[in-house]
Protein backbone atom coordinates (compact mmCIF):
# COMPACT_ATOMS: atom_id res chain seq x y z
CA MET A 1 -0.60 63.12 6.57
CA VAL A 2 -0.60 62.21 10.23
CA THR A 3 -2.50 64.52 12.59
CA ASN A 4 -1.43 65.32 16.17
CA ILE A 5 -3.86 63.88 18.67
CA GLU A 6 -4.98 67.25 19.99
CA ASP A 7 -6.03 68.31 16.48
CA VAL A 8 -8.03 65.24 15.50
CA ILE A 9 -11.38 66.42 16.97
CA LYS A 10 -11.66 70.03 17.85
CA GLN A 11 -15.12 69.92 19.44
CA LYS A 12 -15.23 69.88 23.29
CA ASN A 13 -18.18 67.47 23.47
CA ILE A 14 -17.67 63.94 22.16
CA MET A 15 -20.75 61.76 21.77
CA ILE A 16 -19.79 58.18 20.83
CA LEU A 17 -22.72 56.13 19.42
CA SER A 18 -21.60 52.56 19.99
CA PRO A 19 -23.65 49.72 18.41
CA HIS A 20 -22.47 47.12 20.99
CA TYR A 21 -20.55 46.77 24.14
CA ASP A 22 -17.04 46.46 22.57
CA ASP A 23 -17.34 48.95 19.73
CA VAL A 24 -15.97 51.97 21.54
CA LEU A 25 -12.62 50.29 22.10
CA LEU A 26 -12.60 48.58 18.73
CA THR A 27 -13.46 51.74 16.71
CA PHE A 28 -12.05 54.66 18.74
CA GLY A 29 -9.87 52.99 21.38
CA GLY A 30 -6.64 54.28 19.90
CA TYR A 31 -7.89 57.87 19.90
CA LEU A 32 -9.25 57.71 23.42
CA ASP A 33 -6.18 56.10 24.80
CA ALA A 34 -3.98 58.76 23.18
CA LEU A 35 -6.17 61.48 24.72
CA TYR A 36 -5.76 59.91 28.10
CA ARG A 37 -2.01 59.26 27.82
CA ASN A 38 -1.44 62.88 26.60
CA LYS A 39 -3.47 64.30 29.45
CA LEU A 40 -6.02 65.78 27.02
CA VAL A 41 -9.10 64.00 28.23
CA ASP A 42 -9.91 66.66 30.78
CA ALA A 43 -10.50 69.14 28.01
CA LYS A 44 -13.32 66.97 26.65
CA GLU A 45 -16.84 66.01 27.79
CA ILE A 46 -17.24 62.36 26.70
CA LYS A 47 -20.59 60.62 26.54
CA ILE A 48 -20.96 57.05 25.35
CA VAL A 49 -24.34 55.80 24.13
CA ASN A 50 -24.73 52.04 23.72
CA ILE A 51 -27.45 51.44 21.16
CA PHE A 52 -28.13 47.74 20.84
CA SER A 53 -27.75 47.05 24.56
CA ARG A 54 -30.13 44.08 25.00
CA SER A 55 -27.92 41.12 24.12
CA THR A 56 -27.78 37.33 24.08
CA TYR A 57 -24.33 36.96 22.45
CA GLN A 58 -21.42 35.09 23.92
CA ALA A 59 -18.50 33.90 21.75
CA HIS A 60 -18.25 30.15 21.05
CA ASP A 61 -21.84 29.46 22.35
CA ASP A 62 -23.90 28.62 19.30
CA ILE A 63 -26.66 26.97 21.32
CA GLY A 64 -26.96 29.72 23.90
CA ASN A 65 -26.92 32.47 21.28
CA LYS A 66 -30.19 31.07 19.95
CA ASP A 67 -31.86 31.33 23.38
CA VAL A 68 -33.88 34.57 23.45
CA SER A 69 -35.33 34.08 26.91
CA LEU A 70 -35.16 36.81 29.51
CA GLU A 71 -32.79 34.71 31.60
CA ARG A 72 -30.32 34.54 28.70
CA ILE A 73 -30.66 38.25 28.02
CA LYS A 74 -29.93 39.04 31.67
CA TYR A 75 -26.89 36.71 31.62
CA ALA A 76 -25.37 37.93 28.41
CA THR A 77 -26.20 41.55 28.87
CA GLY A 78 -24.91 41.71 32.41
CA ILE A 79 -21.57 40.23 31.41
CA ARG A 80 -21.15 42.47 28.37
CA LEU A 81 -22.12 45.64 30.22
CA LEU A 82 -19.61 45.03 33.01
CA GLU A 83 -16.89 44.10 30.49
CA ASP A 84 -17.49 47.40 28.73
CA LEU A 85 -17.48 49.50 31.92
CA GLU A 86 -14.29 47.91 33.22
CA CYS A 87 -12.51 48.52 29.95
CA LEU A 88 -13.65 52.14 29.62
CA ASP A 89 -12.61 52.76 33.23
CA GLU A 90 -9.05 51.63 32.35
CA LEU A 91 -9.09 53.21 28.93
CA ILE A 92 -10.04 56.85 29.92
CA GLY A 93 -10.81 56.84 33.63
CA HIS A 94 -14.11 56.22 35.42
CA GLU A 95 -14.62 59.92 36.10
CA ASN A 96 -14.07 60.97 32.51
CA TYR A 97 -17.19 59.75 30.77
CA ILE A 98 -20.93 59.38 30.95
CA TYR A 99 -22.50 56.09 29.85
CA GLU A 100 -26.01 55.63 28.54
CA LEU A 101 -28.07 52.64 27.23
CA LEU A 102 -30.72 53.03 24.54
CA GLY A 103 -31.92 49.48 25.14
CA GLU A 104 -32.50 48.38 21.48
CA ARG A 105 -32.57 44.68 20.74
CA GLU A 106 -29.36 43.49 19.07
CA CYS A 107 -29.36 41.44 15.88
CA LEU A 108 -29.65 37.92 17.40
CA LEU A 109 -32.70 38.97 19.40
CA ARG A 110 -34.27 40.08 16.11
CA GLY A 111 -33.74 36.69 14.50
CA LYS A 112 -30.63 37.52 12.41
CA ASN A 113 -28.36 34.72 11.38
CA LEU A 114 -24.60 34.75 12.07
CA GLU A 115 -22.38 34.40 8.99
CA THR A 116 -20.49 31.12 9.27
CA ASN A 117 -17.79 31.49 6.53
CA GLU A 118 -15.96 34.32 8.21
CA ALA A 119 -12.87 34.47 10.53
CA PHE A 120 -15.42 35.69 13.06
CA GLU A 121 -19.17 35.69 13.48
CA PHE A 122 -21.48 38.57 12.53
CA PRO A 123 -24.90 39.14 10.84
CA HIS A 124 -24.61 40.89 7.50
CA GLY A 125 -27.30 43.25 6.30
CA THR A 126 -27.88 46.20 3.99
CA ARG A 127 -30.50 48.92 4.01
CA ASP A 128 -32.44 47.06 1.32
CA GLU A 129 -32.64 44.09 3.67
CA PHE A 130 -34.08 45.87 6.76
CA ALA A 131 -37.02 44.06 8.28
CA ASP A 132 -39.95 45.92 9.96
CA GLU A 133 -38.24 45.89 13.39
CA ASP A 134 -35.05 47.15 11.86
CA TRP A 135 -36.93 50.08 10.32
CA GLN A 136 -38.56 50.83 13.69
CA ILE A 137 -35.18 50.92 15.35
CA TYR A 138 -33.83 53.11 12.53
CA GLY A 139 -36.68 55.55 13.18
CA ARG A 140 -36.02 55.83 16.90
CA ILE A 141 -32.22 56.27 16.38
CA LYS A 142 -32.89 58.88 13.75
CA LYS A 143 -35.12 60.84 16.08
CA TYR A 144 -32.54 60.56 18.86
CA ALA A 145 -29.64 61.58 16.51
CA SER A 146 -31.56 64.65 15.31
CA LYS A 147 -31.41 66.07 18.86
CA LEU A 148 -27.74 65.34 19.14
CA LEU A 149 -26.91 66.86 15.77
CA ALA A 150 -28.47 70.14 16.83
CA LEU A 151 -25.97 70.50 19.77
CA LYS A 152 -23.17 73.04 19.38
CA ASP A 153 -19.47 72.25 19.84
CA THR A 154 -20.22 68.59 19.55
CA ALA A 155 -18.68 65.67 17.67
CA ILE A 156 -20.81 62.61 16.95
CA LEU A 157 -18.66 59.47 16.58
CA LEU A 158 -19.90 56.17 15.15
CA PRO A 159 -18.66 53.24 13.12
CA LEU A 160 -18.38 53.35 9.32
CA GLY A 161 -20.01 49.98 8.76
CA VAL A 162 -17.25 48.13 6.88
CA LYS A 163 -18.40 44.63 5.93
CA GLU A 164 -22.02 45.74 6.69
CA HIS A 165 -22.80 44.38 10.17
CA ILE A 166 -26.58 45.03 10.11
CA ASP A 167 -26.63 46.85 13.51
CA HIS A 168 -23.79 49.15 12.40
CA ILE A 169 -25.65 49.85 9.13
CA ILE A 170 -28.90 50.71 10.89
CA LEU A 171 -27.06 53.18 13.14
CA ARG A 172 -25.09 54.70 10.23
CA GLU A 173 -28.09 55.16 7.96
CA ALA A 174 -30.23 56.69 10.71
CA VAL A 175 -27.52 59.22 11.72
CA ILE A 176 -26.69 60.25 8.15
CA ASP A 177 -30.36 60.65 7.18
CA ALA A 178 -31.00 62.78 10.32
CA LYS A 179 -28.14 65.03 9.20
CA LYS A 180 -29.67 65.41 5.71
CA GLU A 181 -32.99 66.49 7.14
CA LEU A 182 -31.71 68.96 9.76
CA LYS A 183 -30.28 71.50 7.30
CA GLU A 184 -30.00 74.92 8.99
CA ASN A 185 -30.46 73.35 12.45
CA LEU A 186 -27.34 71.19 12.09
CA ASN A 187 -24.54 72.11 14.49
CA ALA A 188 -22.74 68.97 15.46
CA VAL A 189 -20.07 67.27 13.28
CA ILE A 190 -20.14 63.60 12.34
CA TYR A 191 -17.05 61.38 12.43
CA PHE A 192 -17.04 57.84 11.15
CA GLY A 193 -14.51 55.43 12.67
CA GLU A 194 -13.01 52.26 11.06
CA ASP A 195 -14.88 49.57 12.90
CA GLN A 196 -12.82 46.52 13.91
CA PRO A 197 -12.42 43.67 13.43
CA TYR A 198 -14.37 44.23 10.20
CA THR A 199 -11.95 46.74 8.75
CA GLY A 200 -8.96 44.48 9.13
CA HIS A 201 -10.65 41.54 7.42
CA ALA A 202 -12.52 43.38 4.66
CA ASN A 203 -11.83 42.37 1.04
CA LYS A 204 -11.64 44.63 -1.96
CA ASP A 205 -15.42 44.53 -2.80
CA GLU A 206 -16.29 45.34 0.79
CA TRP A 207 -13.90 48.26 0.90
CA GLU A 208 -15.29 49.54 -2.31
CA LYS A 209 -18.84 49.71 -0.79
CA ALA A 210 -17.47 51.52 2.26
CA GLU A 211 -15.50 53.95 0.05
CA ALA A 212 -18.52 54.67 -2.10
CA PHE A 213 -20.42 55.70 1.03
CA LEU A 214 -17.51 57.98 2.04
CA LYS A 215 -17.36 59.49 -1.37
CA ARG A 216 -21.10 60.26 -1.33
CA ASN A 217 -20.57 62.08 1.93
CA ASN A 218 -17.48 63.96 0.75
CA VAL A 219 -15.55 63.13 3.92
CA LEU A 220 -12.18 64.34 5.11
CA THR A 221 -9.77 61.58 6.16
CA ILE A 222 -7.87 62.03 9.41
CA ASN A 223 -4.99 59.77 10.42
CA TYR A 224 -3.46 59.82 13.91
CA PRO A 225 -0.77 57.84 15.85
CA VAL A 226 -1.91 55.21 18.38
CA ASN A 227 -0.47 52.59 20.63
CA ILE A 228 -2.04 49.58 18.91
CA LEU A 229 -0.66 47.01 21.39
CA ARG A 230 -2.29 48.83 24.24
CA LYS A 231 -5.62 48.65 22.33
CA THR A 232 -5.32 44.90 21.71
CA ASP A 233 -4.17 44.30 25.31
CA LEU A 234 -7.29 45.95 26.62
CA LEU A 235 -9.46 44.09 24.19
CA PHE A 236 -8.32 40.68 25.33
CA LYS A 237 -8.10 41.64 28.97
CA HIS A 238 -11.68 42.91 29.30
CA TYR A 239 -13.92 41.41 26.56
CA THR A 240 -13.31 37.77 27.40
CA SER A 241 -16.86 36.77 26.48
CA GLN A 242 -16.63 38.39 23.02
CA VAL A 243 -13.27 38.12 21.35
CA GLU A 244 -11.56 35.54 19.11
CA GLU A 245 -7.94 35.61 18.05
CA SER A 246 -9.06 36.85 14.66
CA TYR A 247 -9.89 40.16 16.40
CA ARG A 248 -6.26 40.74 17.30
CA GLU A 249 -5.09 39.84 13.80
CA ALA A 250 -7.52 42.39 12.24
CA VAL A 251 -6.69 45.24 14.58
CA LEU A 252 -2.97 44.85 14.15
CA LYS A 253 -3.17 44.31 10.38
CA ARG A 254 -5.01 47.60 9.70
CA ALA A 255 -2.78 49.66 12.05
CA TYR A 256 0.38 48.32 10.49
CA GLN A 257 -1.07 48.74 6.99
CA LEU A 258 -1.82 52.43 7.61
CA LYS A 259 1.62 52.85 9.19
CA GLU A 260 3.29 51.57 6.03
CA MET A 261 0.99 53.58 3.69
CA LEU A 262 1.81 56.83 5.52
CA ASN A 263 5.46 56.03 6.21
CA SER A 264 4.87 56.68 9.90
CA ASP A 265 6.97 55.84 12.93
CA SER A 266 3.82 54.89 14.82
CA GLU A 267 0.86 52.64 14.20
CA ILE A 268 -2.15 54.55 12.77
CA GLU A 269 -5.90 54.70 13.35
CA ARG A 270 -8.16 56.54 10.90
CA ILE A 271 -11.46 58.37 11.11
CA TYR A 272 -13.50 60.29 8.53
CA LYS A 273 -14.97 63.71 9.18
CA VAL A 274 -18.21 64.66 7.41
CA PRO A 275 -18.06 68.33 6.33
CA GLU A 276 -19.93 70.80 8.45
């Protein structure tokens, strides 16, 4: 079933918890673009919270990515922040969102290694592999998420963690654990998005892990039509310090795969709603 864009998220307040500077577009860009194009964005209050906002990463710079000096952090973080703001301004309009940084140290600053046998680089990690600093970040995010989850008429959006990028997994685990502990004080609703480019490149075993997580949380699957070429155009226009051609391949592959599965006239993006 394909859902009309106005019915995808009923809550007025949308809080997007983005691990990194490109994850809003990669995970929820199709949805936000559709809101904007259909003149529905004015009915929402959108806040974007960038979690791991202290960065050293630049694509195709193996030597520089190992530099954890303050100068490198200033350089990479400044570029990535401006890329994100410029993209979001074009995606949904400068006046239509609030942007916040939590200031956590991303994976490379915490000494994580990039996987080298992938179509793109990323540091893998599971909950069992969290180091002490990872657990400290988990605790801070969990405390922050508890406050957000108590808000009424609010949707909390975050990536699913397909292929298990460690920063995505820290965020996911912190939010879902906060939900479990809130009980009667829980008001907000959690939505997991299919994080790209991971979703488009995931193999059968990696999907089975993600699907096991979804099954444990008894989610509702929501499919909606998107303009996928608009999403990829914005990705390659704005995130010039981050993207590789494999990103485009992954984004298009998943959108066309869902289009075929659902026999839709449009490309499809998918999110998962955790029951209230």
